[in-house]
Amino acid sequence: MSDRLCIIVTSGTREKLQMAAMTAAVAAAGGSDVGLFVSMNALAFFRREGAPEAPAEGEVGRLLKARHAPRFQDLFAQAVDLGSVKIYPCSMAMDILSLGPGDLLPYLDKPTGLTKFLAELEGSHVLTF
């Protein structure tokens, strides 16, 4: 079994962003190396300033906020702090959203393209959110 997990995050809903963050943190705590590729509708929520609030998709998403569950941004930061998680913003989505590296949260790694990220997936488990 591979000890590397790759997560592709494109959704802009609170539930999927939360689940991706929890998965990354638990996998890292369990000793797996984790690579995340953040693109499309998900990238806007990783802005350093002016990030929108992720909309709830359903009841659980509304309850995450109402019951003050840890924010997915904080869970991602904790996962990176564990040392085995790298979060790569999509360079194409950054161009479309007119974002530079300084516009994104400091725990994100250097921007990369999908082609490069996919080239590194061999032998990894891959999840998409």
C-alpha atoms as a PDB file:
ATOM      1  CA  MET A   1       0.000   0.000   0.000  1.00  0.00           C
ATOM      2  CA  SER A   2       1.268   3.451  -0.857  1.00  0.00           C
ATOM      3  CA  ASP A   3       2.176   5.789   1.960  1.00  0.00           C
ATOM      4  CA  ARG A   4       1.532   8.782  -0.298  1.00  0.00           C
ATOM      5  CA  LEU A   5      -1.871  10.378  -0.691  1.00  0.00           C
ATOM      6  CA  CYS A   6      -2.683  12.942  -3.353  1.00  0.00           C
ATOM      7  CA  ILE A   7      -5.773  15.084  -2.982  1.00  0.00           C
ATOM      8  CA  ILE A   8      -7.226  17.239  -5.747  1.00  0.00           C
ATOM      9  CA  VAL A   9      -9.498  19.947  -4.356  1.00  0.00           C
ATOM     10  CA  THR A  10     -11.709  21.837  -6.801  1.00  0.00           C
ATOM     11  CA  SER A  11     -14.989  22.261  -4.917  1.00  0.00           C
ATOM     12  CA  GLY A  12     -16.052  25.506  -3.352  1.00  0.00           C
ATOM     13  CA  THR A  13     -18.442  24.049  -0.783  1.00  0.00           C
ATOM     14  CA  ARG A  14     -17.785  24.060   2.951  1.00  0.00           C
ATOM     15  CA  GLU A  15     -18.425  20.329   3.361  1.00  0.00           C
ATOM     16  CA  LYS A  16     -15.963  19.228   0.667  1.00  0.00           C
ATOM     17  CA  LEU A  17     -13.276  21.687   1.745  1.00  0.00           C
ATOM     18  CA  GLN A  18     -13.714  20.530   5.348  1.00  0.00           C
ATOM     19  CA  MET A  19     -13.508  16.851   4.381  1.00  0.00           C
ATOM     20  CA  ALA A  20     -10.380  17.433   2.287  1.00  0.00           C
ATOM     21  CA  ALA A  21      -8.730  19.229   5.213  1.00  0.00           C
ATOM     22  CA  MET A  22      -9.688  16.510   7.706  1.00  0.00           C
ATOM     23  CA  THR A  23      -8.448  13.788   5.343  1.00  0.00           C
ATOM     24  CA  ALA A  24      -5.104  15.535   4.845  1.00  0.00           C
ATOM     25  CA  ALA A  25      -4.597  16.080   8.575  1.00  0.00           C
ATOM     26  CA  VAL A  26      -5.509  12.508   9.569  1.00  0.00           C
ATOM     27  CA  ALA A  27      -3.352  11.003   6.799  1.00  0.00           C
ATOM     28  CA  ALA A  28      -0.399  13.164   7.830  1.00  0.00           C
ATOM     29  CA  ALA A  29      -0.874  12.268  11.494  1.00  0.00           C
ATOM     30  CA  GLY A  30      -0.847   8.616  10.430  1.00  0.00           C
ATOM     31  CA  GLY A  31       2.540   9.023   8.740  1.00  0.00           C
ATOM     32  CA  SER A  32       1.525   9.478   5.101  1.00  0.00           C
ATOM     33  CA  ASP A  33       3.052  12.032   2.793  1.00  0.00           C
ATOM     34  CA  VAL A  34       0.220  14.159   1.403  1.00  0.00           C
ATOM     35  CA  GLY A  35       0.184  16.367  -1.677  1.00  0.00           C
ATOM     36  CA  LEU A  36      -2.807  18.612  -2.339  1.00  0.00           C
ATOM     37  CA  PHE A  37      -3.584  20.384  -5.584  1.00  0.00           C
ATOM     38  CA  VAL A  38      -6.004  23.280  -5.059  1.00  0.00           C
ATOM     39  CA  SER A  39      -7.743  24.583  -8.180  1.00  0.00           C
ATOM     40  CA  MET A  40     -10.950  25.900  -9.725  1.00  0.00           C
ATOM     41  CA  ASN A  41     -13.633  26.982  -7.233  1.00  0.00           C
ATOM     42  CA  ALA A  42     -11.571  25.948  -4.199  1.00  0.00           C
ATOM     43  CA  LEU A  43      -8.666  28.341  -4.760  1.00  0.00           C
ATOM     44  CA  ALA A  44     -10.583  31.520  -3.893  1.00  0.00           C
ATOM     45  CA  PHE A  45     -10.941  30.311  -0.291  1.00  0.00           C
ATOM     46  CA  PHE A  46      -7.167  30.294   0.169  1.00  0.00           C
ATOM     47  CA  ARG A  47      -6.735  34.035  -0.312  1.00  0.00           C
ATOM     48  CA  ARG A  48      -4.731  35.769   2.388  1.00  0.00           C
ATOM     49  CA  GLU A  49      -7.233  38.658   2.432  1.00  0.00           C
ATOM     50  CA  GLY A  50     -10.766  38.977   1.153  1.00  0.00           C
ATOM     51  CA  ALA A  51     -11.473  35.257   0.904  1.00  0.00           C
ATOM     52  CA  PRO A  52     -15.194  34.583   0.607  1.00  0.00           C
ATOM     53  CA  GLU A  53     -16.942  32.328   3.079  1.00  0.00           C
ATOM     54  CA  ALA A  54     -17.471  28.863   1.636  1.00  0.00           C
ATOM     55  CA  PRO A  55     -21.168  28.227   1.102  1.00  0.00           C
ATOM     56  CA  ALA A  56     -22.845  25.280   2.783  1.00  0.00           C
ATOM     57  CA  GLU A  57     -24.070  22.558   0.494  1.00  0.00           C
ATOM     58  CA  GLY A  58     -26.521  21.186   3.015  1.00  0.00           C
ATOM     59  CA  GLU A  59     -27.375  20.763   6.666  1.00  0.00           C
ATOM     60  CA  VAL A  60     -23.944  19.531   7.755  1.00  0.00           C
ATOM     61  CA  GLY A  61     -22.278  22.539   6.182  1.00  0.00           C
ATOM     62  CA  ARG A  62     -24.596  24.891   8.028  1.00  0.00           C
ATOM     63  CA  LEU A  63     -23.990  23.009  11.279  1.00  0.00           C
ATOM     64  CA  LEU A  64     -20.204  23.152  10.856  1.00  0.00           C
ATOM     65  CA  LYS A  65     -20.457  26.910  11.129  1.00  0.00           C
ATOM     66  CA  ALA A  66     -23.229  27.036  13.738  1.00  0.00           C
ATOM     67  CA  ARG A  67     -21.392  24.635  16.051  1.00  0.00           C
ATOM     68  CA  HIS A  68     -18.041  26.379  15.560  1.00  0.00           C
ATOM     69  CA  ALA A  69     -16.180  23.445  14.048  1.00  0.00           C
ATOM     70  CA  PRO A  70     -12.551  24.231  13.243  1.00  0.00           C
ATOM     71  CA  ARG A  71     -12.301  26.143   9.966  1.00  0.00           C
ATOM     72  CA  PHE A  72     -10.956  24.124   7.051  1.00  0.00           C
ATOM     73  CA  GLN A  73      -8.235  26.756   6.507  1.00  0.00           C
ATOM     74  CA  ASP A  74      -7.003  26.118  10.052  1.00  0.00           C
ATOM     75  CA  LEU A  75      -7.114  22.344   9.567  1.00  0.00           C
ATOM     76  CA  PHE A  76      -5.044  22.671   6.385  1.00  0.00           C
ATOM     77  CA  ALA A  77      -2.518  24.855   8.257  1.00  0.00           C
ATOM     78  CA  GLN A  78      -2.275  22.247  11.037  1.00  0.00           C
ATOM     79  CA  ALA A  79      -1.764  19.506   8.460  1.00  0.00           C
ATOM     80  CA  VAL A  80       1.102  21.454   6.878  1.00  0.00           C
ATOM     81  CA  ASP A  81       2.608  22.019  10.338  1.00  0.00           C
ATOM     82  CA  LEU A  82       2.810  18.242  10.765  1.00  0.00           C
ATOM     83  CA  GLY A  83       5.520  18.400   8.112  1.00  0.00           C
ATOM     84  CA  SER A  84       4.393  15.821   5.580  1.00  0.00           C
ATOM     85  CA  VAL A  85       1.730  17.867   3.762  1.00  0.00           C
ATOM     86  CA  LYS A  86       2.360  20.128   0.787  1.00  0.00           C
ATOM     87  CA  ILE A  87      -0.449  22.226  -0.701  1.00  0.00           C
ATOM     88  CA  TYR A  88       0.091  23.395  -4.272  1.00  0.00           C
ATOM     89  CA  PRO A  89      -2.093  26.115  -5.767  1.00  0.00           C
ATOM     90  CA  CYS A  90      -2.956  25.631  -9.433  1.00  0.00           C
ATOM     91  CA  SER A  91      -1.002  28.079 -11.571  1.00  0.00           C
ATOM     92  CA  MET A  92      -3.769  28.269 -14.209  1.00  0.00           C
ATOM     93  CA  ALA A  93      -6.474  29.049 -11.640  1.00  0.00           C
ATOM     94  CA  MET A  94      -4.185  31.680 -10.135  1.00  0.00           C
ATOM     95  CA  ASP A  95      -3.889  33.328 -13.548  1.00  0.00           C
ATOM     96  CA  ILE A  96      -7.657  33.242 -14.088  1.00  0.00           C
ATOM     97  CA  LEU A  97      -8.303  34.737 -10.631  1.00  0.00           C
ATOM     98  CA  SER A  98      -5.442  37.274 -11.056  1.00  0.00           C
ATOM     99  CA  LEU A  99      -3.706  35.987  -7.928  1.00  0.00           C
ATOM    100  CA  GLY A 100      -0.010  36.040  -7.173  1.00  0.00           C
ATOM    101  CA  PRO A 101       1.755  33.847  -4.603  1.00  0.00           C
ATOM    102  CA  GLY A 102       1.647  36.711  -2.089  1.00  0.00           C
ATOM    103  CA  ASP A 103      -2.144  36.807  -2.340  1.00  0.00           C
ATOM    104  CA  LEU A 104      -2.484  33.291  -0.933  1.00  0.00           C
ATOM    105  CA  LEU A 105      -2.279  31.932   2.602  1.00  0.00           C
ATOM    106  CA  PRO A 106       1.345  31.518   3.687  1.00  0.00           C
ATOM    107  CA  TYR A 107       1.178  27.751   4.194  1.00  0.00           C
ATOM    108  CA  LEU A 108       0.595  27.101   0.487  1.00  0.00           C
ATOM    109  CA  ASP A 109       3.596  25.875  -1.467  1.00  0.00           C
ATOM    110  CA  LYS A 110       4.823  27.188  -4.797  1.00  0.00           C
ATOM    111  CA  PRO A 111       2.209  27.214  -7.581  1.00  0.00           C
ATOM    112  CA  THR A 112       2.329  24.295  -9.963  1.00  0.00           C
ATOM    113  CA  GLY A 113       0.516  23.094 -13.038  1.00  0.00           C
ATOM    114  CA  LEU A 114      -1.769  20.112 -13.284  1.00  0.00           C
ATOM    115  CA  THR A 115       0.611  18.316 -15.639  1.00  0.00           C
ATOM    116  CA  LYS A 116       3.465  18.453 -13.106  1.00  0.00           C
ATOM    117  CA  PHE A 117       1.196  17.425 -10.232  1.00  0.00           C
ATOM    118  CA  LEU A 118      -0.218  14.478 -12.193  1.00  0.00           C
ATOM    119  CA  ALA A 119       3.294  13.349 -13.153  1.00  0.00           C
ATOM    120  CA  GLU A 120       4.050  12.848  -9.468  1.00  0.00           C
ATOM    121  CA  LEU A 121       0.963  10.715  -8.735  1.00  0.00           C
ATOM    122  CA  GLU A 122       2.420   7.358  -9.706  1.00  0.00           C
ATOM    123  CA  GLY A 123       1.925   4.865  -6.905  1.00  0.00           C
ATOM    124  CA  SER A 124      -0.225   7.259  -4.875  1.00  0.00           C
ATOM    125  CA  HIS A 125      -3.762   6.983  -3.667  1.00  0.00           C
ATOM    126  CA  VAL A 126      -5.761   9.820  -5.211  1.00  0.00           C
ATOM    127  CA  LEU A 127      -8.874  11.484  -3.787  1.00  0.00           C
ATOM    128  CA  THR A 128     -10.866  14.331  -5.277  1.00  0.00           C
ATOM    129  CA  PHE A 129     -13.040  16.843  -3.481  1.00  0.00           C
END
